[in-house]
């Protein structure tokens, strides 16, 4: 298979990790200034927490799949 047998698992790990870290950083350190008029002052807390949890679950699933073989 092109790029290995575990390509999907690696992609889930990358996307899950990026989702978790990106939303966590949006909560911890919101942007200093607005670039566009439609930009929010800070990230919506509930939506960000849900995305963090989904990203962590996806990352844990991917790591478990890589370890188990």
N, C-alpha and C. Protein backbone atom coordinates (compact mmCIF):
# COMPACT_ATOMS: atom_id res chain seq x y z
N UNK A 1 0.85 -1.18 0.00
CA UNK A 1 0.00 0.00 0.00
C UNK A 1 0.89 1.24 0.00
N UNK A 2 0.42 2.26 -0.68
CA UNK A 2 1.15 3.53 -0.76
C UNK A 2 1.28 4.17 0.62
N UNK A 3 2.47 4.51 1.03
CA UNK A 3 2.81 5.15 2.30
C UNK A 3 2.58 4.26 3.51
N UNK A 4 2.47 2.97 3.35
CA UNK A 4 2.39 2.07 4.48
C UNK A 4 0.98 1.63 4.82
N UNK A 5 0.93 0.59 5.61
CA UNK A 5 -0.36 0.01 6.00
C UNK A 5 -1.08 0.85 7.06
N UNK A 6 -0.35 1.63 7.82
CA UNK A 6 -0.93 2.39 8.93
C UNK A 6 -1.17 3.86 8.60
N UNK A 7 -1.35 4.16 7.33
CA UNK A 7 -1.51 5.56 6.94
C UNK A 7 -2.73 6.20 7.59
N UNK A 8 -3.85 5.51 7.61
CA UNK A 8 -5.07 6.07 8.21
C UNK A 8 -4.88 6.33 9.70
N UNK A 9 -4.21 5.42 10.38
CA UNK A 9 -3.98 5.59 11.82
C UNK A 9 -3.08 6.79 12.08
N UNK A 10 -2.04 6.96 11.26
CA UNK A 10 -1.16 8.11 11.42
C UNK A 10 -1.90 9.42 11.15
N UNK A 11 -2.78 9.41 10.16
CA UNK A 11 -3.56 10.61 9.87
C UNK A 11 -4.53 10.95 11.00
N UNK A 12 -5.15 9.93 11.58
CA UNK A 12 -6.05 10.17 12.72
C UNK A 12 -5.26 10.73 13.91
N UNK A 13 -4.07 10.19 14.13
CA UNK A 13 -3.22 10.70 15.22
C UNK A 13 -2.85 12.16 14.98
N UNK A 14 -2.48 12.50 13.76
CA UNK A 14 -2.09 13.88 13.45
C UNK A 14 -3.27 14.85 13.58
N UNK A 15 -4.41 14.47 13.03
CA UNK A 15 -5.57 15.36 13.07
C UNK A 15 -6.12 15.48 14.49
N UNK A 16 -6.17 14.36 15.22
CA UNK A 16 -6.64 14.41 16.60
C UNK A 16 -5.73 15.24 17.49
N UNK A 17 -4.43 15.07 17.32
CA UNK A 17 -3.49 15.88 18.11
C UNK A 17 -3.58 17.35 17.78
N UNK A 18 -3.69 17.66 16.50
CA UNK A 18 -3.81 19.07 16.09
C UNK A 18 -5.11 19.68 16.59
N UNK A 19 -6.19 18.90 16.57
CA UNK A 19 -7.47 19.40 17.05
C UNK A 19 -7.40 19.71 18.55
N UNK A 20 -6.80 18.80 19.31
CA UNK A 20 -6.71 19.00 20.76
C UNK A 20 -5.80 20.17 21.11
N UNK A 21 -4.62 20.20 20.53
CA UNK A 21 -3.65 21.25 20.87
C UNK A 21 -4.12 22.61 20.36
N UNK A 22 -4.65 22.66 19.17
CA UNK A 22 -5.10 23.94 18.61
C UNK A 22 -6.22 24.58 19.42
N UNK A 23 -7.18 23.77 19.82
CA UNK A 23 -8.28 24.33 20.62
C UNK A 23 -7.84 24.68 22.03
N UNK A 24 -6.92 23.91 22.59
CA UNK A 24 -6.39 24.25 23.91
C UNK A 24 -5.64 25.57 23.87
N UNK A 25 -4.86 25.78 22.83
CA UNK A 25 -4.13 27.05 22.70
C UNK A 25 -5.09 28.22 22.43
N UNK A 26 -6.19 27.96 21.75
CA UNK A 26 -7.17 29.03 21.52
C UNK A 26 -7.83 29.47 22.82
N UNK A 27 -7.98 28.53 23.76
CA UNK A 27 -8.54 28.89 25.07
C UNK A 27 -7.50 29.60 25.93
N UNK A 28 -6.28 29.04 25.96
CA UNK A 28 -5.23 29.58 26.83
C UNK A 28 -4.77 30.95 26.35
N UNK A 29 -4.55 31.08 25.05
CA UNK A 29 -3.99 32.33 24.53
C UNK A 29 -4.76 32.80 23.31
N UNK A 30 -5.85 33.53 23.53
CA UNK A 30 -6.64 34.03 22.39
C UNK A 30 -5.85 35.08 21.61
N UNK A 31 -6.24 35.35 20.38
CA UNK A 31 -5.52 36.35 19.59
C UNK A 31 -5.56 37.74 20.23
N UNK A 32 -4.49 38.47 20.05
CA UNK A 32 -4.38 39.80 20.66
C UNK A 32 -5.27 40.80 19.93
N UNK A 33 -5.26 40.76 18.62
CA UNK A 33 -6.06 41.73 17.86
C UNK A 33 -6.90 41.02 16.81
N UNK A 34 -7.99 41.64 16.45
CA UNK A 34 -8.87 41.10 15.41
C UNK A 34 -8.30 41.46 14.05
N UNK A 35 -8.26 40.47 13.15
CA UNK A 35 -7.81 40.74 11.80
C UNK A 35 -8.99 41.16 10.93
N UNK A 36 -10.10 40.47 11.10
CA UNK A 36 -11.32 40.81 10.35
C UNK A 36 -12.42 41.18 11.33
N UNK A 37 -13.43 41.82 10.83
CA UNK A 37 -14.55 42.23 11.68
C UNK A 37 -15.31 41.03 12.25
N UNK A 38 -15.33 39.91 11.52
CA UNK A 38 -16.09 38.74 11.96
C UNK A 38 -15.33 37.85 12.94
N UNK A 39 -14.08 38.17 13.25
CA UNK A 39 -13.31 37.37 14.20
C UNK A 39 -13.85 37.52 15.62
N UNK A 40 -13.81 36.42 16.37
CA UNK A 40 -14.26 36.46 17.75
C UNK A 40 -13.15 36.95 18.67
N UNK A 41 -13.51 37.54 19.79
CA UNK A 41 -12.52 38.01 20.75
C UNK A 41 -11.84 36.84 21.45
N UNK A 42 -12.61 35.79 21.73
CA UNK A 42 -12.05 34.57 22.31
C UNK A 42 -12.84 33.37 21.80
N UNK A 43 -12.26 32.20 21.93
CA UNK A 43 -12.88 30.98 21.42
C UNK A 43 -14.08 30.59 22.28
N UNK A 44 -15.14 30.06 21.67
CA UNK A 44 -16.28 29.56 22.44
C UNK A 44 -15.83 28.40 23.33
N UNK A 45 -16.07 28.50 24.63
CA UNK A 45 -15.51 27.56 25.59
C UNK A 45 -16.07 26.15 25.44
N UNK A 46 -17.37 25.99 25.35
CA UNK A 46 -17.97 24.65 25.29
C UNK A 46 -17.55 23.93 24.02
N UNK A 47 -17.62 24.62 22.88
CA UNK A 47 -17.21 24.00 21.62
C UNK A 47 -15.74 23.61 21.64
N UNK A 48 -14.89 24.45 22.20
CA UNK A 48 -13.47 24.14 22.27
C UNK A 48 -13.21 22.94 23.16
N UNK A 49 -13.90 22.84 24.28
CA UNK A 49 -13.71 21.69 25.17
C UNK A 49 -14.18 20.41 24.50
N UNK A 50 -15.28 20.46 23.78
CA UNK A 50 -15.75 19.27 23.05
C UNK A 50 -14.71 18.85 22.01
N UNK A 51 -14.16 19.80 21.27
CA UNK A 51 -13.15 19.48 20.27
C UNK A 51 -11.88 18.93 20.90
N UNK A 52 -11.50 19.44 22.06
CA UNK A 52 -10.33 18.93 22.77
C UNK A 52 -10.55 17.47 23.16
N UNK A 53 -11.72 17.17 23.69
CA UNK A 53 -12.03 15.79 24.10
C UNK A 53 -12.05 14.86 22.89
N UNK A 54 -12.66 15.29 21.79
CA UNK A 54 -12.69 14.47 20.58
C UNK A 54 -11.28 14.24 20.05
N UNK A 55 -10.45 15.26 20.06
CA UNK A 55 -9.07 15.12 19.60
C UNK A 55 -8.26 14.18 20.48
N UNK A 56 -8.45 14.26 21.78
CA UNK A 56 -7.72 13.36 22.69
C UNK A 56 -8.17 11.93 22.50
N UNK A 57 -9.47 11.71 22.36
CA UNK A 57 -9.98 10.35 22.14
C UNK A 57 -9.44 9.78 20.84
N UNK A 58 -9.43 10.56 19.78
CA UNK A 58 -8.90 10.10 18.50
C UNK A 58 -7.41 9.79 18.60
N UNK A 59 -6.67 10.62 19.31
CA UNK A 59 -5.24 10.40 19.46
C UNK A 59 -4.95 9.14 20.28
N UNK A 60 -5.70 8.94 21.34
CA UNK A 60 -5.50 7.74 22.16
C UNK A 60 -5.85 6.49 21.36
N UNK A 61 -6.93 6.55 20.58
CA UNK A 61 -7.29 5.41 19.73
C UNK A 61 -6.19 5.10 18.73
N UNK A 62 -5.63 6.14 18.11
CA UNK A 62 -4.58 5.93 17.12
C UNK A 62 -3.30 5.37 17.75
N UNK A 63 -2.93 5.88 18.90
CA UNK A 63 -1.74 5.35 19.59
C UNK A 63 -1.95 3.90 19.99
N UNK A 64 -3.13 3.58 20.48
CA UNK A 64 -3.43 2.18 20.85
C UNK A 64 -3.39 1.27 19.62
N UNK A 65 -3.88 1.76 18.50
CA UNK A 65 -3.86 0.97 17.28
C UNK A 65 -2.44 0.75 16.78
N UNK A 66 -1.60 1.77 16.91
CA UNK A 66 -0.20 1.62 16.48
C UNK A 66 0.56 0.67 17.38
N UNK A 67 0.29 0.72 18.68
CA UNK A 67 1.00 -0.14 19.62
C UNK A 67 0.56 -1.58 19.47
N UNK A 68 -0.74 -1.80 19.28
CA UNK A 68 -1.26 -3.18 19.20
C UNK A 68 -0.86 -3.86 17.89
N UNK A 69 -0.49 -3.10 16.91
CA UNK A 69 0.01 -3.71 15.68
C UNK A 69 -1.00 -3.69 14.63
